[in-house]
Protein backbone atom coordinates (compact mmCIF):
# COMPACT_ATOMS: atom_id res chain seq x y z
CA MET A 1 -20.30 11.16 -20.79
CA ALA A 2 -17.11 13.01 -21.68
CA ARG A 3 -14.98 14.27 -18.84
CA PRO A 4 -15.59 18.02 -18.35
CA ARG A 5 -12.79 20.29 -19.50
CA ILE A 6 -11.69 23.73 -18.42
CA LYS A 7 -13.53 25.34 -21.34
CA ASP A 8 -16.76 23.69 -20.13
CA VAL A 9 -16.27 25.26 -16.71
CA ALA A 10 -15.61 28.65 -18.33
CA ARG A 11 -18.77 28.41 -20.46
CA HIS A 12 -20.92 27.38 -17.47
CA ALA A 13 -19.53 30.18 -15.28
CA GLY A 14 -19.66 32.80 -18.03
CA VAL A 15 -15.98 33.66 -17.73
CA SER A 16 -12.82 33.11 -19.75
CA GLU A 17 -10.70 29.96 -19.57
CA LYS A 18 -7.90 32.15 -18.23
CA THR A 19 -10.10 33.22 -15.30
CA VAL A 20 -10.91 29.59 -14.51
CA SER A 21 -7.18 28.82 -14.56
CA ASN A 22 -6.51 31.74 -12.20
CA VAL A 23 -9.13 30.46 -9.75
CA ILE A 24 -7.75 26.92 -9.88
CA ASN A 25 -4.25 28.27 -9.20
CA ASP A 26 -5.60 30.49 -6.39
CA TYR A 27 -4.25 33.76 -7.78
CA ALA A 28 -5.19 36.70 -5.59
CA HIS A 29 -6.38 39.17 -8.23
CA VAL A 30 -9.67 37.29 -8.93
CA SER A 31 -12.69 38.85 -7.20
CA ASP A 32 -14.43 36.88 -4.47
CA ARG A 33 -17.67 36.83 -6.50
CA THR A 34 -15.98 35.47 -9.63
CA ARG A 35 -14.03 32.93 -7.58
CA GLN A 36 -17.27 31.66 -6.02
CA VAL A 37 -19.03 31.39 -9.40
CA VAL A 38 -16.15 29.42 -10.89
CA ARG A 39 -15.93 27.08 -7.90
CA GLU A 40 -19.67 26.42 -8.10
CA ALA A 41 -19.28 25.60 -11.80
CA ILE A 42 -16.40 23.24 -11.03
CA GLU A 43 -18.51 21.49 -8.39
CA HIS A 44 -21.61 21.33 -10.59
CA LEU A 45 -19.77 19.84 -13.58
CA GLY A 46 -17.54 17.55 -11.51
CA TYR A 47 -14.42 19.01 -13.08
CA ARG A 48 -11.18 17.60 -11.72
CA VAL A 49 -7.80 19.22 -12.19
CA ASN A 50 -5.22 17.08 -14.00
CA LEU A 51 -2.48 17.75 -11.47
CA ALA A 52 0.14 15.59 -13.18
CA GLY A 53 -0.40 17.31 -16.50
CA ARG A 54 -0.42 20.76 -14.95
CA HIS A 55 2.82 20.17 -13.06
CA LEU A 56 4.55 18.62 -16.08
CA ARG A 57 3.61 21.56 -18.30
CA LYS A 58 5.24 23.87 -15.79
CA GLY A 59 8.34 21.72 -15.42
CA ARG A 60 7.42 20.62 -11.90
CA THR A 61 6.60 17.45 -10.02
CA GLY A 62 4.09 18.90 -7.56
CA ILE A 63 6.14 17.50 -4.67
CA ILE A 64 7.85 19.47 -1.92
CA ALA A 65 10.01 18.08 0.88
CA LEU A 66 9.79 18.86 4.58
CA VAL A 67 13.09 18.01 6.27
CA VAL A 68 13.16 17.90 10.07
CA PRO A 69 15.74 16.58 12.56
CA GLU A 70 13.53 13.97 14.26
CA LEU A 71 10.01 12.90 13.38
CA ASP A 72 9.25 11.52 16.84
CA ILE A 73 9.80 14.89 18.51
CA PRO A 74 6.18 16.04 18.94
CA TYR A 75 6.83 19.61 17.79
CA PHE A 76 8.03 18.41 14.39
CA ALA A 77 5.19 15.90 14.06
CA GLU A 78 2.65 18.64 14.78
CA LEU A 79 4.42 21.02 12.39
CA ALA A 80 4.38 18.37 9.66
CA ARG A 81 0.61 18.03 10.01
CA HIS A 82 0.20 21.77 9.45
CA VAL A 83 2.60 21.80 6.47
CA ILE A 84 0.72 18.93 4.81
CA ARG A 85 -2.58 20.72 5.32
CA GLU A 86 -1.25 23.95 3.80
CA ALA A 87 0.37 22.15 0.88
CA GLU A 88 -2.86 20.34 0.05
CA GLN A 89 -4.54 23.72 -0.39
CA CYS A 90 -2.00 24.41 -3.17
CA SER A 91 -2.34 20.95 -4.77
CA LEU A 92 1.13 19.99 -3.53
CA THR A 93 2.26 16.68 -2.06
CA VAL A 94 4.70 16.66 0.87
CA LEU A 95 7.59 14.24 1.17
CA ILE A 96 8.80 14.10 4.79
CA HIS A 97 12.46 13.35 5.45
CA GLN A 98 14.28 12.90 8.76
CA SER A 99 17.79 14.32 8.83
CA GLY A 100 18.79 13.11 12.29
CA ALA A 101 20.48 16.51 12.72
CA ASP A 102 23.28 15.06 10.59
CA ARG A 103 25.12 17.57 8.41
CA ALA A 104 25.57 15.15 5.50
CA HIS A 105 21.83 14.45 5.45
CA GLU A 106 20.99 18.13 5.68
CA LEU A 107 23.38 18.93 2.83
CA ALA A 108 21.80 16.19 0.72
CA ALA A 109 18.39 17.71 1.36
CA LEU A 110 19.69 21.17 0.55
CA ALA A 111 20.87 19.83 -2.81
CA GLY A 112 17.50 18.27 -3.57
CA PHE A 113 18.61 14.72 -2.70
CA GLY A 114 20.65 14.56 -5.89
CA SER A 115 17.61 14.47 -8.18
CA THR A 116 14.82 16.63 -9.58
CA PHE A 117 11.85 14.90 -7.96
CA VAL A 118 11.11 17.75 -5.50
CA ASP A 119 10.18 21.26 -6.54
CA GLY A 120 11.31 22.83 -3.28
CA ILE A 121 12.32 22.16 0.31
CA ILE A 122 11.26 23.36 3.74
CA LEU A 123 14.24 22.60 5.97
CA SER A 124 14.73 22.80 9.73
CA PRO A 125 18.54 22.60 10.01
CA LEU A 126 20.56 21.86 13.11
CA ALA A 127 23.97 21.01 11.66
CA LEU A 128 24.36 23.40 8.71
CA THR A 129 26.51 26.50 8.71
CA ALA A 130 26.04 29.80 6.89
CA ASP A 131 28.71 28.73 4.37
CA ASP A 132 26.61 25.68 3.45
CA LEU A 133 23.82 27.96 2.27
CA ARG A 134 25.96 29.94 -0.15
CA ASP A 135 26.71 29.08 -3.79
CA ARG A 136 23.70 26.79 -4.19
CA VAL A 137 23.65 26.96 -7.99
CA GLY A 138 21.06 24.58 -9.42
CA ALA A 139 19.66 23.61 -6.02
CA PRO A 140 15.87 23.64 -5.51
CA PRO A 141 14.17 26.58 -3.77
CA THR A 142 14.47 26.29 0.01
CA VAL A 143 12.77 27.88 3.00
CA LEU A 144 14.56 27.54 6.35
CA LEU A 145 12.87 27.12 9.71
CA GLY A 146 14.47 28.05 13.03
CA GLU A 147 17.25 30.57 13.53
CA LEU A 148 18.52 32.51 10.51
CA LEU A 149 21.88 31.15 9.37
CA GLU A 150 22.35 33.22 6.23
CA GLU A 151 20.92 36.63 5.32
CA GLY A 152 20.26 35.58 1.71
CA ALA A 153 17.94 32.69 2.60
CA ASP A 154 14.17 32.60 2.93
CA HIS A 155 13.41 31.99 6.59
CA VAL A 156 10.45 31.53 8.97
CA ALA A 157 10.63 31.40 12.78
CA ILE A 158 9.36 32.86 16.01
CA ASP A 159 11.49 35.36 17.91
CA ASN A 160 13.12 32.76 20.14
CA GLU A 161 15.23 35.22 22.10
CA ARG A 162 12.24 37.42 22.91
CA ALA A 163 10.09 34.41 23.78
CA ALA A 164 12.66 33.05 26.25
CA ARG A 165 13.08 36.49 27.78
CA GLU A 166 9.31 36.76 28.29
CA ALA A 167 9.09 33.27 29.81
CA THR A 168 11.97 34.00 32.19
CA HIS A 169 10.46 37.34 33.17
CA HIS A 170 7.25 35.49 34.00
CA LEU A 171 9.14 33.20 36.37
CA ILE A 172 10.87 36.19 37.95
CA GLY A 173 7.49 37.88 38.33
CA LEU A 174 6.39 34.90 40.42
CA GLY A 175 9.20 35.71 42.84
CA ARG A 176 11.61 33.06 41.53
CA ARG A 177 15.29 33.96 41.52
CA ALA A 178 17.23 30.69 41.24
CA ILE A 179 16.25 29.77 37.68
CA LEU A 180 17.93 26.94 35.79
CA ALA A 181 17.96 26.79 31.97
CA VAL A 182 17.50 23.13 31.05
CA GLY A 183 19.12 22.58 27.65
CA GLY A 184 20.85 25.97 27.85
CA ARG A 185 23.96 26.51 25.76
CA ASP A 186 26.73 29.03 25.37
CA ASP A 187 24.85 31.88 23.72
CA SER A 188 27.47 32.76 21.08
CA GLY A 189 26.11 30.33 18.48
CA LEU A 190 23.38 30.74 15.87
CA GLY A 191 21.00 27.95 16.84
CA THR A 192 17.58 28.00 18.47
CA ALA A 193 18.94 26.82 21.84
CA GLU A 194 21.55 29.59 21.79
CA ALA A 195 18.90 32.22 20.99
CA ARG A 196 16.69 31.01 23.84
CA THR A 197 19.68 31.05 26.18
CA ARG A 198 20.38 34.66 25.21
CA GLY A 199 16.79 35.55 26.06
CA TYR A 200 17.09 33.81 29.43
CA ARG A 201 20.29 35.66 30.28
CA ALA A 202 18.84 38.99 29.13
CA ALA A 203 15.87 38.58 31.47
CA LEU A 204 18.14 37.80 34.41
CA SER A 205 20.23 40.86 33.67
CA GLU A 206 17.18 43.11 33.34
CA ALA A 207 15.96 41.87 36.74
CA GLY A 208 19.34 42.41 38.41
CA ILE A 209 19.93 38.68 38.94
CA ALA A 210 23.54 37.58 38.59
CA TYR A 211 24.13 34.99 35.90
CA ASP A 212 25.83 31.77 37.03
CA PRO A 213 27.18 29.55 34.22
CA ALA A 214 26.26 26.55 36.38
CA SER A 215 22.60 27.47 35.83
CA LEU A 216 22.85 26.15 32.27
CA LEU A 217 22.12 22.42 32.20
CA PRO A 218 23.43 21.09 28.86
CA VAL A 219 21.79 18.05 27.28
CA GLY A 220 22.85 15.56 24.64
CA SER A 221 19.49 15.82 22.86
CA PHE A 222 16.16 17.49 23.49
CA ARG A 223 14.16 14.51 24.71
CA MET A 224 12.42 13.63 27.97
CA PRO A 225 15.16 11.31 29.28
CA ASP A 226 17.76 14.05 28.70
CA GLY A 227 15.72 16.55 30.68
CA ALA A 228 15.15 14.09 33.51
CA ARG A 229 18.85 13.18 33.72
CA ALA A 230 20.04 16.78 33.61
CA VAL A 231 17.68 17.88 36.37
CA ALA A 232 18.34 14.84 38.59
CA ARG A 233 22.10 15.35 38.23
CA ALA A 234 21.88 19.05 39.08
CA LEU A 235 19.78 18.47 42.20
CA ARG A 236 21.98 15.63 43.42
CA ASP A 237 25.00 17.90 42.91
CA GLY A 238 23.48 20.44 45.27
CA ALA A 239 21.54 22.82 43.00
CA ARG A 240 18.53 24.36 44.74
CA PRO A 241 16.46 26.01 42.01
CA ASP A 242 13.05 27.52 42.51
CA ALA A 243 12.28 27.60 38.79
CA MET A 244 13.32 26.06 35.48
CA LEU A 245 13.15 27.37 31.94
CA CYS A 246 13.28 24.29 29.71
CA LEU A 247 14.19 24.91 26.09
CA ASN A 248 11.51 22.57 24.79
CA ASP A 249 8.52 20.75 26.23
CA GLN A 250 10.19 17.35 26.02
CA LEU A 251 12.91 18.53 28.39
CA ALA A 252 10.27 20.08 30.61
CA LEU A 253 8.27 16.86 30.82
CA GLY A 254 11.45 15.01 31.75
CA ALA A 255 12.19 17.67 34.36
CA LEU A 256 8.72 17.19 35.89
CA ARG A 257 9.40 13.49 36.26
CA ALA A 258 12.79 14.01 37.91
CA LEU A 259 11.38 16.58 40.32
CA HIS A 260 8.59 14.20 41.27
CA GLU A 261 11.00 11.33 41.89
CA LEU A 262 13.19 13.56 44.08
CA GLY A 263 10.25 14.79 46.13
CA ALA A 264 10.08 18.37 44.85
CA LYS A 265 6.60 19.85 44.39
CA VAL A 266 5.70 21.71 41.21
CA PRO A 267 5.06 24.62 41.27
CA GLU A 268 5.27 25.09 45.06
CA ASP A 269 8.99 24.26 45.24
CA VAL A 270 10.01 24.61 41.60
CA ALA A 271 8.06 26.33 38.81
CA VAL A 272 8.62 24.85 35.34
CA ILE A 273 7.98 26.32 31.90
CA GLY A 274 8.76 24.80 28.51
CA PHE A 275 8.68 25.66 24.81
CA ASP A 276 6.53 24.43 21.89
CA ASP A 277 3.08 23.75 23.44
CA VAL A 278 2.97 20.09 22.41
CA GLU A 279 -0.08 18.01 23.19
CA GLY A 280 1.60 15.99 25.95
CA GLY A 281 2.05 19.10 28.08
CA ARG A 282 -1.71 19.62 28.21
CA PHE A 283 -2.16 16.21 29.88
CA SER A 284 0.86 16.02 32.19
CA VAL A 285 0.46 16.25 35.96
CA PRO A 286 0.76 19.13 36.57
CA THR A 287 -0.14 20.56 33.17
CA LEU A 288 2.81 22.36 31.58
CA SER A 289 3.19 26.11 31.13
CA THR A 290 4.89 26.76 27.83
CA VAL A 291 5.79 29.15 25.04
CA ALA A 292 3.38 28.37 22.21
CA PRO A 293 4.64 29.17 18.71
CA ASP A 294 1.91 29.60 16.12
CA LYS A 295 2.74 26.36 14.33
CA ALA A 296 -0.08 26.80 11.82
CA ALA A 297 1.32 30.21 10.88
CA VAL A 298 4.86 28.83 10.56
CA ALA A 299 3.55 26.20 8.13
CA ARG A 300 1.35 28.62 6.22
CA VAL A 301 4.07 31.23 5.70
CA ALA A 302 6.71 28.60 4.82
CA VAL A 303 4.49 26.97 2.18
CA GLN A 304 3.50 30.35 0.74
CA LEU A 305 7.12 31.48 0.49
CA LEU A 306 8.20 28.22 -1.08
CA ARG A 307 5.35 28.23 -3.58
CA ARG A 308 6.21 31.74 -4.68
CA ARG A 309 9.88 30.85 -4.97
CA ILE A 310 8.98 27.82 -7.09
CA GLU A 311 6.92 30.09 -9.35
CA GLU A 312 9.91 32.39 -9.69
CA THR A 313 12.25 29.52 -10.53
CA THR A 314 10.14 27.51 -12.97
CA GLY A 315 7.89 30.22 -14.34
CA GLY A 316 4.21 30.61 -13.65
CA ASP A 317 1.06 31.61 -15.43
CA GLY A 318 1.44 34.97 -17.10
CA ALA A 319 1.24 38.27 -15.29
CA SER A 320 0.38 36.77 -11.91
CA ALA A 321 3.62 34.85 -11.68
CA ALA A 322 5.56 37.84 -12.94
CA ALA A 323 3.99 40.06 -10.30
CA GLU A 324 4.74 37.56 -7.55
CA SER A 325 8.33 36.91 -8.56
CA ALA A 326 9.10 40.62 -8.92
CA VAL A 327 8.95 41.13 -5.14
CA LEU A 328 10.85 38.03 -4.12
CA SER A 329 13.88 39.36 -2.34
CA PRO A 330 14.98 36.95 0.44
CA GLN A 331 12.26 36.84 3.05
CA ASP A 332 12.81 36.77 6.84
CA ARG A 333 9.40 36.19 8.44
CA ILE A 334 8.80 36.19 12.20
CA VAL A 335 5.51 34.66 13.31
CA ALA A 336 3.67 35.06 16.59
CA HIS A 337 4.13 33.22 19.87
CA ARG A 338 2.38 33.45 23.23
CA LEU A 339 2.83 32.30 26.79
CA VAL A 340 0.38 29.58 27.83
CA LEU A 341 0.21 29.51 31.62
CA ARG A 342 -0.82 26.25 33.26
CA GLU A 343 -0.36 24.40 36.54
CA SER A 344 3.42 24.00 36.42
CA THR A 345 3.90 27.71 37.15
CA GLU A 346 0.52 28.90 38.35
CA GLY A 347 -0.76 26.01 40.44
CA HIS A 348 -3.84 26.23 38.20
CA GLU A 349 -4.64 26.80 34.54
CA ARG A 350 -4.88 30.50 33.67
CA LEU A 351 -7.53 31.20 31.05
């Protein structure tokens, strides 16, 4: 039996071949009823999209890259899972690349790795500057994650400053006044850690608590051993905190270990809150309060933006692509976050 073609699907569904193509490409202007009829016809006939042919006709490879600093940081691993899931819905394959937070690697990714085998890039930069993002003639479409480095770039993030301010206010609301920021940095920079530090300092100021530069505990990297070392060093040097805002959950989990080894009870002596809501924090003892970014939304918005930018760059299918590309000024999208309150601040899990 001959392999079913798009015209067979159109005949079976009673629609035009163009409508079938619009459904396959998930264009929004198709009615729900028509979309359902076409999908039923596709399923009934066993039609399979020739992805390679479709991508080649459009001058694409069907591959996008996700570039993150470190794959073994749980937040990035969880984010990658969501990006892959979203990309699959658009018939895209995801190449995952680890930059190691190295500027040369991030620049190579920004340039498309010196080849044309990726259609676009979702990049979480730690070492790039705003100047690196300018004058990218010929580079593939790129969506940035994290703090906005350049106004002309597509960008997806949570409001890190607001989230840190809310988390710190929660600690203050528990009666805590001596709050350390584990991983805190001088807040004049553009990175995520700097934004979270600004939020921490803003909350202290709003509560009338004097800021002490010694309350920032810098770390070499954002891993559990770094958090444990920073906290152990601070306590041995005489710090007497009653709370800690940790700038990611890995630091917070390390802090929990150090506090345990030094005989401090959490949350009775020291309340601890992290960032990212990674799986490990749900199983630590005590369970970890955290700022939970909507990782699924970050992935969904990033893939949608990148797909639209790819359509704009390579050309799409008729009026739909033209309509999409017409509104593509640089996009700065902020997605939701929420406080998840568990045993490390509450003494119990708050539902």
